[in-house]
PDB file of N, CA and C in Angstrom:
ATOM      1  N   MET A   1      39.835  20.505 -13.076  1.00  0.00           N
ATOM      2  CA  MET A   1      40.797  20.386 -12.894  1.00  0.00           C
ATOM      3  C   MET A   1      41.945  19.535 -13.313  1.00  0.00           C
ATOM      4  N   THR A   2      43.055  19.410 -13.730  1.00  0.00           N
ATOM      5  CA  THR A   2      43.958  18.359 -14.789  1.00  0.00           C
ATOM      6  C   THR A   2      43.969  17.306 -13.995  1.00  0.00           C
ATOM      7  N   ASP A   3      43.855  15.917 -14.526  1.00  0.00           N
ATOM      8  CA  ASP A   3      43.879  14.501 -14.107  1.00  0.00           C
ATOM      9  C   ASP A   3      45.268  14.145 -14.605  1.00  0.00           C
ATOM     10  N   PHE A   4      46.342  14.700 -13.236  1.00  0.00           N
ATOM     11  CA  PHE A   4      47.378  14.405 -12.917  1.00  0.00           C
ATOM     12  C   PHE A   4      48.132  12.784 -13.724  1.00  0.00           C
ATOM     13  N   THR A   5      47.095  11.880 -13.640  1.00  0.00           N
ATOM     14  CA  THR A   5      47.151  10.524 -13.880  1.00  0.00           C
ATOM     15  C   THR A   5      47.423  10.420 -15.807  1.00  0.00           C
ATOM     16  N   SER A   6      46.549  11.302 -16.191  1.00  0.00           N
ATOM     17  CA  SER A   6      46.762  11.255 -17.707  1.00  0.00           C
ATOM     18  C   SER A   6      47.725  11.692 -18.263  1.00  0.00           C
ATOM     19  N   VAL A   7      48.211  12.903 -17.431  1.00  0.00           N
ATOM     20  CA  VAL A   7      49.409  13.768 -17.645  1.00  0.00           C
ATOM     21  C   VAL A   7      50.740  13.123 -17.793  1.00  0.00           C
ATOM     22  N   GLN A   8      50.820  12.340 -16.414  1.00  0.00           N
ATOM     23  CA  GLN A   8      52.027  11.485 -16.283  1.00  0.00           C
ATOM     24  C   GLN A   8      52.190  10.379 -17.347  1.00  0.00           C
ATOM     25  N   LYS A   9      50.862   9.278 -17.559  1.00  0.00           N
ATOM     26  CA  LYS A   9      50.793   8.880 -18.262  1.00  0.00           C
ATOM     27  C   LYS A   9      50.894   9.016 -19.853  1.00  0.00           C
ATOM     28  N   GLN A  10      51.403  10.660 -20.132  1.00  0.00           N
ATOM     29  CA  GLN A  10      51.512  11.387 -21.695  1.00  0.00           C
ATOM     30  C   GLN A  10      53.064  11.082 -21.098  1.00  0.00           C
ATOM     31  N   LEU A  11      53.350  11.742 -20.522  1.00  0.00           N
ATOM     32  CA  LEU A  11      55.147  12.085 -20.114  1.00  0.00           C
ATOM     33  C   LEU A  11      55.776  11.055 -20.037  1.00  0.00           C
ATOM     34  N   THR A  12      55.307   9.406 -19.497  1.00  0.00           N
ATOM     35  CA  THR A  12      55.654   8.378 -19.678  1.00  0.00           C
ATOM     36  C   THR A  12      55.928   8.049 -20.878  1.00  0.00           C
ATOM     37  N   ALA A  13      54.693   7.848 -21.538  1.00  0.00           N
ATOM     38  CA  ALA A  13      54.773   7.716 -23.314  1.00  0.00           C
ATOM     39  C   ALA A  13      55.947   8.426 -24.186  1.00  0.00           C
ATOM     40  N   ILE A  14      56.028   9.716 -23.347  1.00  0.00           N
ATOM     41  CA  ILE A  14      56.943  10.276 -24.666  1.00  0.00           C
ATOM     42  C   ILE A  14      58.135   9.897 -24.153  1.00  0.00           C
ATOM     43  N   THR A  15      58.353   9.749 -22.604  1.00  0.00           N
ATOM     44  CA  THR A  15      59.859   9.364 -22.544  1.00  0.00           C
ATOM     45  C   THR A  15      60.505   8.007 -22.901  1.00  0.00           C
ATOM     46  N   THR A  16      59.193   6.528 -22.588  1.00  0.00           N
ATOM     47  CA  THR A  16      59.462   5.636 -23.553  1.00  0.00           C
ATOM     48  C   THR A  16      59.710   5.859 -25.198  1.00  0.00           C
ATOM     49  N   ALA A  17      58.878   6.128 -25.801  1.00  0.00           N
ATOM     50  CA  ALA A  17      59.258   6.565 -27.395  1.00  0.00           C
ATOM     51  C   ALA A  17      60.429   7.215 -27.676  1.00  0.00           C
ATOM     52  N   GLN A  18      61.090   8.046 -26.446  1.00  0.00           N
ATOM     53  CA  GLN A  18      62.217   8.862 -26.867  1.00  0.00           C
ATOM     54  C   GLN A  18      63.778   7.503 -26.536  1.00  0.00           C
ATOM     55  N   THR A  19      62.961   6.759 -25.525  1.00  0.00           N
ATOM     56  CA  THR A  19      64.491   6.138 -25.082  1.00  0.00           C
ATOM     57  C   THR A  19      64.265   4.919 -26.612  1.00  0.00           C
ATOM     58  N   ASP A  20      63.323   4.596 -26.867  1.00  0.00           N
ATOM     59  CA  ASP A  20      62.830   3.382 -27.118  1.00  0.00           C
ATOM     60  C   ASP A  20      63.857   3.739 -28.712  1.00  0.00           C
ATOM     61  N   PHE A  21      63.834   4.996 -29.180  1.00  0.00           N
ATOM     62  CA  PHE A  21      64.252   5.504 -30.506  1.00  0.00           C
ATOM     63  C   PHE A  21      65.759   5.558 -30.248  1.00  0.00           C
ATOM     64  N   ALA A  22      66.025   5.973 -29.324  1.00  0.00           N
ATOM     65  CA  ALA A  22      67.738   6.336 -28.782  1.00  0.00           C
ATOM     66  C   ALA A  22      68.543   5.111 -28.722  1.00  0.00           C
ATOM     67  N   LYS A  23      67.503   3.783 -28.082  1.00  0.00           N
ATOM     68  CA  LYS A  23      68.436   2.390 -28.232  1.00  0.00           C
ATOM     69  C   LYS A  23      68.205   1.897 -29.478  1.00  0.00           C
ATOM     70  N   SER A  24      67.319   2.208 -30.857  1.00  0.00           N
ATOM     71  CA  SER A  24      67.065   1.452 -31.916  1.00  0.00           C
ATOM     72  C   SER A  24      68.302   2.006 -32.771  1.00  0.00           C
ATOM     73  N   SER A  25      68.307   3.573 -32.535  1.00  0.00           N
ATOM     74  CA  SER A  25      69.339   4.229 -33.424  1.00  0.00           C
ATOM     75  C   SER A  25      71.020   4.108 -32.946  1.00  0.00           C
ATOM     76  N   PHE A  26      70.929   4.124 -31.997  1.00  0.00           N
ATOM     77  CA  PHE A  26      72.300   3.358 -31.108  1.00  0.00           C
ATOM     78  C   PHE A  26      72.882   1.620 -31.904  1.00  0.00           C
ATOM     79  N   GLU A  27      71.770   0.841 -31.582  1.00  0.00           N
ATOM     80  CA  GLU A  27      71.670  -0.460 -32.914  1.00  0.00           C
ATOM     81  C   GLU A  27      72.156  -0.107 -33.766  1.00  0.00           C
ATOM     82  N   ALA A  28      71.275   1.025 -34.580  1.00  0.00           N
ATOM     83  CA  ALA A  28      71.444   0.756 -35.839  1.00  0.00           C
ATOM     84  C   ALA A  28      72.961   1.322 -36.625  1.00  0.00           C
ATOM     85  N   SER A  29      73.634   2.139 -35.836  1.00  0.00           N
ATOM     86  CA  SER A  29      75.025   3.006 -36.041  1.00  0.00           C
ATOM     87  C   SER A  29      75.962   1.945 -35.376  1.00  0.00           C
ATOM     88  N   LYS A  30      75.659   1.039 -34.509  1.00  0.00           N
ATOM     89  CA  LYS A  30      76.693   0.348 -34.156  1.00  0.00           C
ATOM     90  C   LYS A  30      77.080  -0.626 -35.375  1.00  0.00           C
ATOM     91  N   ALA A  31      75.594  -1.227 -36.054  1.00  0.00           N
ATOM     92  CA  ALA A  31      75.526  -2.232 -36.940  1.00  0.00           C
ATOM     93  C   ALA A  31      76.056  -1.753 -38.024  1.00  0.00           C
ATOM     94  N   TYR A  32      76.040  -0.804 -38.923  1.00  0.00           N
ATOM     95  CA  TYR A  32      76.895  -0.019 -39.902  1.00  0.00           C
ATOM     96  C   TYR A  32      77.822   0.298 -39.542  1.00  0.00           C
ATOM     97  N   PHE A  33      78.649   0.803 -38.536  1.00  0.00           N
ATOM     98  CA  PHE A  33      79.846   0.782 -38.467  1.00  0.00           C
ATOM     99  C   PHE A  33      80.745  -0.881 -38.478  1.00  0.00           C
ATOM    100  N   GLU A  34      79.883  -1.633 -37.699  1.00  0.00           N
ATOM    101  CA  GLU A  34      80.541  -3.405 -38.024  1.00  0.00           C
ATOM    102  C   GLU A  34      80.546  -3.601 -39.532  1.00  0.00           C
ATOM    103  N   LYS A  35      79.568  -3.283 -40.203  1.00  0.00           N
ATOM    104  CA  LYS A  35      79.514  -3.437 -41.846  1.00  0.00           C
ATOM    105  C   LYS A  35      80.566  -2.636 -42.487  1.00  0.00           C
ATOM    106  N   LEU A  36      80.785  -1.331 -41.539  1.00  0.00           N
ATOM    107  CA  LEU A  36      81.541  -0.636 -42.219  1.00  0.00           C
ATOM    108  C   LEU A  36      83.107  -1.216 -42.316  1.00  0.00           C
ATOM    109  N   ALA A  37      83.193  -1.650 -40.932  1.00  0.00           N
ATOM    110  CA  ALA A  37      84.685  -2.325 -40.901  1.00  0.00           C
ATOM    111  C   ALA A  37      85.002  -3.110 -41.676  1.00  0.00           C
ATOM    112  N   GLY A  38      84.619  -3.836 -42.472  1.00  0.00           N
ATOM    113  CA  GLY A  38      84.787  -5.225 -43.414  1.00  0.00           C
ATOM    114  C   GLY A  38      84.571  -4.831 -44.881  1.00  0.00           C
ATOM    115  N   VAL A  39      84.571  -3.063 -45.180  1.00  0.00           N
ATOM    116  CA  VAL A  39      83.859  -2.807 -46.314  1.00  0.00           C
ATOM    117  C   VAL A  39      85.366  -2.856 -47.122  1.00  0.00           C
ATOM    118  N   LYS A  40      85.657  -3.536 -48.410  1.00  0.00           N
ATOM    119  CA  LYS A  40      86.450  -3.281 -49.114  1.00  0.00           C
ATOM    120  C   LYS A  40      87.251  -2.145 -50.390  1.00  0.00           C
ATOM    121  N   SER A  41      86.098  -2.039 -50.825  1.00  0.00           N
ATOM    122  CA  SER A  41      86.095  -1.409 -52.164  1.00  0.00           C
ATOM    123  C   SER A  41      85.330   0.345 -51.817  1.00  0.00           C
ATOM    124  N   PRO A  42      85.545   0.704 -52.455  1.00  0.00           N
ATOM    125  CA  PRO A  42      84.516   2.316 -52.380  1.00  0.00           C
ATOM    126  C   PRO A  42      83.329   1.940 -52.862  1.00  0.00           C
ATOM    127  N   ASP A  43      83.036   1.249 -53.785  1.00  0.00           N
ATOM    128  CA  ASP A  43      81.706   1.056 -54.081  1.00  0.00           C
ATOM    129  C   ASP A  43      80.525   0.797 -53.167  1.00  0.00           C
ATOM    130  N   LYS A  44      81.761  -0.436 -52.591  1.00  0.00           N
ATOM    131  CA  LYS A  44      80.551  -1.132 -51.454  1.00  0.00           C
ATOM    132  C   LYS A  44      80.697  -0.189 -50.338  1.00  0.00           C
ATOM    133  N   PHE A  45      81.450   1.027 -49.686  1.00  0.00           N
ATOM    134  CA  PHE A  45      80.741   1.838 -48.697  1.00  0.00           C
ATOM    135  C   PHE A  45      79.895   2.783 -49.482  1.00  0.00           C
ATOM    136  N   VAL A  46      79.772   3.123 -50.773  1.00  0.00           N
ATOM    137  CA  VAL A  46      79.113   4.110 -51.217  1.00  0.00           C
ATOM    138  C   VAL A  46      77.780   3.722 -50.955  1.00  0.00           C
ATOM    139  N   GLU A  47      77.344   1.821 -50.719  1.00  0.00           N
ATOM    140  CA  GLU A  47      76.205   1.361 -51.062  1.00  0.00           C
ATOM    141  C   GLU A  47      75.777   1.127 -49.981  1.00  0.00           C
ATOM    142  N   LEU A  48      76.798   0.726 -49.172  1.00  0.00           N
ATOM    143  CA  LEU A  48      76.059   0.781 -47.604  1.00  0.00           C
ATOM    144  C   LEU A  48      75.761   2.157 -46.957  1.00  0.00           C
ATOM    145  N   THR A  49      76.854   3.213 -47.355  1.00  0.00           N
ATOM    146  CA  THR A  49      76.569   4.277 -46.495  1.00  0.00           C
ATOM    147  C   THR A  49      75.046   4.820 -47.533  1.00  0.00           C
ATOM    148  N   THR A  50      75.095   5.038 -48.193  1.00  0.00           N
ATOM    149  CA  THR A  50      73.810   4.924 -48.625  1.00  0.00           C
ATOM    150  C   THR A  50      72.451   4.593 -47.946  1.00  0.00           C
ATOM    151  N   GLU A  51      72.435   3.422 -48.008  1.00  0.00           N
ATOM    152  CA  GLU A  51      71.604   2.453 -47.539  1.00  0.00           C
ATOM    153  C   GLU A  51      71.189   3.187 -46.451  1.00  0.00           C
ATOM    154  N   TYR A  52      72.275   3.449 -45.134  1.00  0.00           N
ATOM    155  CA  TYR A  52      72.530   3.447 -44.154  1.00  0.00           C
ATOM    156  C   TYR A  52      71.597   4.951 -43.984  1.00  0.00           C
ATOM    157  N   ALA A  53      72.261   6.072 -44.467  1.00  0.00           N
ATOM    158  CA  ALA A  53      71.532   7.148 -44.594  1.00  0.00           C
ATOM    159  C   ALA A  53      70.192   7.208 -44.596  1.00  0.00           C
ATOM    160  N   LYS A  54      69.860   6.946 -45.838  1.00  0.00           N
ATOM    161  CA  LYS A  54      68.115   6.738 -46.286  1.00  0.00           C
ATOM    162  C   LYS A  54      67.440   6.084 -45.099  1.00  0.00           C
ATOM    163  N   SER A  55      67.824   4.841 -44.692  1.00  0.00           N
ATOM    164  CA  SER A  55      66.985   4.058 -43.133  1.00  0.00           C
ATOM    165  C   SER A  55      67.006   5.649 -42.018  1.00  0.00           C
ATOM    166  N   ALA A  56      68.739   6.007 -41.849  1.00  0.00           N
ATOM    167  CA  ALA A  56      68.660   6.793 -40.871  1.00  0.00           C
ATOM    168  C   ALA A  56      67.739   7.739 -40.618  1.00  0.00           C
ATOM    169  N   GLN A  57      67.267   8.461 -42.081  1.00  0.00           N
ATOM    170  CA  GLN A  57      66.352   9.410 -41.964  1.00  0.00           C
ATOM    171  C   GLN A  57      64.864   8.893 -41.986  1.00  0.00           C
ATOM    172  N   GLU A  58      64.630   8.209 -42.834  1.00  0.00           N
ATOM    173  CA  GLU A  58      63.253   7.518 -42.851  1.00  0.00           C
ATOM    174  C   GLU A  58      63.002   7.103 -41.283  1.00  0.00           C
ATOM    175  N   THR A  59      63.566   6.332 -40.398  1.00  0.00           N
ATOM    176  CA  THR A  59      63.344   6.041 -39.208  1.00  0.00           C
ATOM    177  C   THR A  59      63.210   7.886 -38.195  1.00  0.00           C
ATOM    178  N   PHE A  60      64.251   8.340 -38.665  1.00  0.00           N
ATOM    179  CA  PHE A  60      64.215   9.678 -37.851  1.00  0.00           C
ATOM    180  C   PHE A  60      62.299   9.815 -38.201  1.00  0.00           C
ATOM    181  N   VAL A  61      62.645  10.681 -39.238  1.00  0.00           N
ATOM    182  CA  VAL A  61      61.213  11.225 -39.478  1.00  0.00           C
ATOM    183  C   VAL A  61      59.678  11.080 -38.990  1.00  0.00           C
ATOM    184  N   SER A  62      59.488   9.214 -38.895  1.00  0.00           N
ATOM    185  CA  SER A  62      58.961   8.216 -38.228  1.00  0.00           C
ATOM    186  C   SER A  62      58.646   8.653 -36.678  1.00  0.00           C
ATOM    187  N   GLU A  63      59.908   8.735 -36.744  1.00  0.00           N
ATOM    188  CA  GLU A  63      59.960   8.558 -34.935  1.00  0.00           C
ATOM    189  C   GLU A  63      59.636  10.049 -34.530  1.00  0.00           C
ATOM    190  N   ALA A  64      59.763  11.177 -34.872  1.00  0.00           N
ATOM    191  CA  ALA A  64      59.904  12.729 -34.857  1.00  0.00           C
ATOM    192  C   ALA A  64      58.145  12.830 -34.690  1.00  0.00           C
ATOM    193  N   THR A  65      57.503  12.233 -35.976  1.00  0.00           N
ATOM    194  CA  THR A  65      55.679  12.225 -36.506  1.00  0.00           C
ATOM    195  C   THR A  65      55.418  11.692 -34.834  1.00  0.00           C
ATOM    196  N   LYS A  66      55.385  10.046 -34.563  1.00  0.00           N
ATOM    197  CA  LYS A  66      54.956  10.001 -33.290  1.00  0.00           C
ATOM    198  C   LYS A  66      55.542  10.232 -31.913  1.00  0.00           C
ATOM    199  N   ILE A  67      56.573  10.739 -32.006  1.00  0.00           N
ATOM    200  CA  ILE A  67      56.475  11.645 -30.871  1.00  0.00           C
ATOM    201  C   ILE A  67      56.122  13.244 -30.662  1.00  0.00           C
ATOM    202  N   GLY A  68      56.128  13.567 -31.769  1.00  0.00           N
ATOM    203  CA  GLY A  68      55.639  15.254 -31.770  1.00  0.00           C
ATOM    204  C   GLY A  68      54.134  14.903 -31.489  1.00  0.00           C
ATOM    205  N   GLU A  69      53.264  13.761 -32.293  1.00  0.00           N
ATOM    206  CA  GLU A  69      51.764  13.644 -31.698  1.00  0.00           C
ATOM    207  C   GLU A  69      51.901  12.947 -30.395  1.00  0.00           C
ATOM    208  N   LEU A  70      52.493  12.762 -29.589  1.00  0.00           N
ATOM    209  CA  LEU A  70      52.296  12.637 -28.230  1.00  0.00           C
ATOM    210  C   LEU A  70      52.562  13.709 -27.221  1.00  0.00           C
ATOM    211  N   TYR A  71      53.455  14.827 -28.143  1.00  0.00           N
ATOM    212  CA  TYR A  71      53.748  15.580 -27.066  1.00  0.00           C
ATOM    213  C   TYR A  71      52.341  16.713 -27.488  1.00  0.00           C
ATOM    214  N   LYS A  72      52.248  16.589 -28.826  1.00  0.00           N
ATOM    215  CA  LYS A  72      50.367  17.118 -28.690  1.00  0.00           C
ATOM    216  C   LYS A  72      49.365  17.283 -27.771  1.00  0.00           C
ATOM    217  N   THR A  73      49.293  15.481 -27.779  1.00  0.00           N
ATOM    218  CA  THR A  73      48.634  14.977 -26.930  1.00  0.00           C
ATOM    219  C   THR A  73      48.893  15.468 -25.166  1.00  0.00           C
ATOM    220  N   PHE A  74      49.765  15.692 -24.727  1.00  0.00           N
ATOM    221  CA  PHE A  74      50.450  15.835 -23.790  1.00  0.00           C
ATOM    222  C   PHE A  74      49.581  17.266 -23.530  1.00  0.00           C
ATOM    223  N   ALA A  75      50.382  17.892 -24.344  1.00  0.00           N
ATOM    224  CA  ALA A  75      49.794  19.828 -24.348  1.00  0.00           C
ATOM    225  C   ALA A  75      48.112  19.765 -24.192  1.00  0.00           C
ATOM    226  N   GLN A  76      47.465  19.091 -25.047  1.00  0.00           N
ATOM    227  CA  GLN A  76      46.350  19.346 -24.499  1.00  0.00           C
ATOM    228  C   GLN A  76      45.820  19.011 -23.304  1.00  0.00           C
ATOM    229  N   GLU A  77      46.206  17.582 -23.008  1.00  0.00           N
ATOM    230  CA  GLU A  77      45.530  17.122 -21.545  1.00  0.00           C
ATOM    231  C   GLU A  77      46.246  18.257 -20.837  1.00  0.00           C
ATOM    232  N   ALA A  78      47.513  18.384 -20.670  1.00  0.00           N
ATOM    233  CA  ALA A  78      48.123  19.542 -19.140  1.00  0.00           C
ATOM    234  C   ALA A  78      47.502  20.614 -19.590  1.00  0.00           C
ATOM    235  N   PHE A  79      47.026  21.357 -20.663  1.00  0.00           N
ATOM    236  CA  PHE A  79      46.562  22.987 -20.632  1.00  0.00           C
ATOM    237  C   PHE A  79      45.076  22.436 -20.212  1.00  0.00           C
ATOM    238  N   ARG A  80      44.321  21.707 -20.765  1.00  0.00           N
ATOM    239  CA  ARG A  80      42.830  21.703 -20.814  1.00  0.00           C
ATOM    240  C   ARG A  80      42.028  22.821 -20.334  1.00  0.00           C
ATOM    241  N   PRO A  81      42.441  22.310 -18.488  1.00  0.00           N
ATOM    242  CA  PRO A  81      41.760  23.336 -17.631  1.00  0.00           C
ATOM    243  C   PRO A  81      42.020  25.535 -18.219  1.00  0.00           C
ATOM    244  N   PHE A  82      43.478  25.511 -18.732  1.00  0.00           N
ATOM    245  CA  PHE A  82      43.357  26.775 -18.252  1.00  0.00           C
ATOM    246  C   PHE A  82      42.897  27.189 -20.177  1.00  0.00           C
ATOM    247  N   THR A  83      42.601  26.394 -21.104  1.00  0.00           N
ATOM    248  CA  THR A  83      41.765  26.465 -22.412  1.00  0.00           C
ATOM    249  C   THR A  83      40.619  26.465 -22.485  1.00  0.00           C
ATOM    250  N   SER A  84      39.556  25.681 -21.649  1.00  0.00           N
ATOM    251  CA  SER A  84      38.630  25.585 -21.673  1.00  0.00           C
ATOM    252  C   SER A  84      37.743  26.691 -20.752  1.00  0.00           C
ATOM    253  N   SER A  85      38.788  27.377 -19.610  1.00  0.00           N
ATOM    254  CA  SER A  85      38.083  28.504 -19.465  1.00  0.00           C
ATOM    255  C   SER A  85      37.750  30.129 -20.383  1.00  0.00           C
ATOM    256  N   PHE A  86      38.489  29.449 -21.306  1.00  0.00           N
ATOM    257  CA  PHE A  86      38.986  30.430 -22.763  1.00  0.00           C
ATOM    258  C   PHE A  86      37.386  30.027 -23.940  1.00  0.00           C
ATOM    259  N   LEU A  87      37.201  29.239 -23.598  1.00  0.00           N
ATOM    260  CA  LEU A  87      36.032  28.650 -25.020  1.00  0.00           C
ATOM    261  C   LEU A  87      34.497  28.784 -24.218  1.00  0.00           C
ATOM    262  N   PRO A  88      34.066  29.334 -25.387  1.00  0.00           N
ATOM    263  CA  PRO A  88      32.248  29.716 -24.961  1.00  0.00           C
ATOM    264  C   PRO A  88      31.952  28.403 -24.191  1.00  0.00           C
ATOM    265  N   LYS A  89      30.784  28.546 -23.725  1.00  0.00           N
ATOM    266  CA  LYS A  89      30.076  27.626 -22.900  1.00  0.00           C
ATOM    267  C   LYS A  89      28.532  27.410 -23.695  1.00  0.00           C
TER     268      LYS A  89
END
């Protein structure tokens, strides 16, 4: 039988990770646009945008990997009773 407490903990961890990522992404975007409002030259615009894009991409890859691992663990826990019946004993 599936341990529903474990499955619930996995879902809570996934939800928390996704919420934290959304909050941090929003804050980073907000800071970028605040800095962008004060830009006076095209060079500074390109520099600021490049830094933001690089940071956003690195953060996305990192968080997507972390959340993907959480989903993998969740699936393993949730489907353990089904998969264990197919494995040799």
